[in-house]
Amino acid sequence: MEHEIFEIIESALALAGYKVLDGDNDTVIVRHATGDTDYEIKVSEIY
């Protein structure tokens, strides 16, 4: 399920001008095309 969520997030961010820099199983790191600020986005299941 997390993979599907990340696909949606990455597509939306790309449309908004963000570039995916890195990621792993539960995290993606992105940067906006016009800035030098990086953002970490995490997805985790709530128990």
Protein backbone atom coordinates (compact mmCIF):
# COMPACT_ATOMS: atom_id res chain seq x y z
CA MET A 1 0.00 0.00 0.00
CA GLU A 2 2.81 2.43 0.84
CA HIS A 3 4.19 2.03 -2.68
CA GLU A 4 0.89 3.15 -4.18
CA ILE A 5 0.75 6.13 -1.83
CA PHE A 6 4.27 7.21 -2.80
CA GLU A 7 3.41 6.97 -6.51
CA ILE A 8 0.51 9.37 -5.96
CA ILE A 9 2.61 11.73 -3.83
CA GLU A 10 5.51 11.75 -6.31
CA SER A 11 3.19 12.46 -9.25
CA ALA A 12 1.51 15.35 -7.43
CA LEU A 13 4.85 16.82 -6.35
CA ALA A 14 6.24 16.60 -9.88
CA LEU A 15 3.24 18.53 -11.19
CA ALA A 16 3.88 21.18 -8.52
CA GLY A 17 7.53 21.61 -9.55
CA TYR A 18 9.28 19.36 -7.01
CA LYS A 19 12.08 16.96 -7.84
CA VAL A 20 12.46 13.65 -6.01
CA LEU A 21 16.03 13.43 -4.73
CA ASP A 22 16.01 10.18 -2.78
CA GLY A 23 13.84 7.82 -0.83
CA ASP A 24 13.41 4.41 0.73
CA ASN A 25 10.57 2.21 1.95
CA ASP A 26 8.77 4.88 3.98
CA THR A 27 10.45 8.19 3.09
CA VAL A 28 10.87 10.40 0.06
CA ILE A 29 13.12 13.48 -0.07
CA VAL A 30 12.15 16.26 -2.48
CA ARG A 31 13.32 19.72 -3.54
CA HIS A 32 11.37 22.48 -5.25
CA ALA A 33 12.84 23.48 -8.60
CA THR A 34 13.25 27.14 -7.61
CA GLY A 35 14.68 26.67 -4.12
CA ASP A 36 17.41 24.98 -2.18
CA THR A 37 15.19 23.66 0.60
CA ASP A 38 14.79 19.90 0.87
CA TYR A 39 11.76 18.23 2.41
CA GLU A 40 11.41 14.76 3.87
CA ILE A 41 8.00 13.14 3.53
CA LYS A 42 7.26 10.01 5.56
CA VAL A 43 4.39 7.58 5.26
CA SER A 44 3.74 5.10 8.05
CA GLU A 45 0.86 2.89 9.03
CA ILE A 46 -1.07 3.89 12.15
CA TYR A 47 -1.73 0.99 14.47
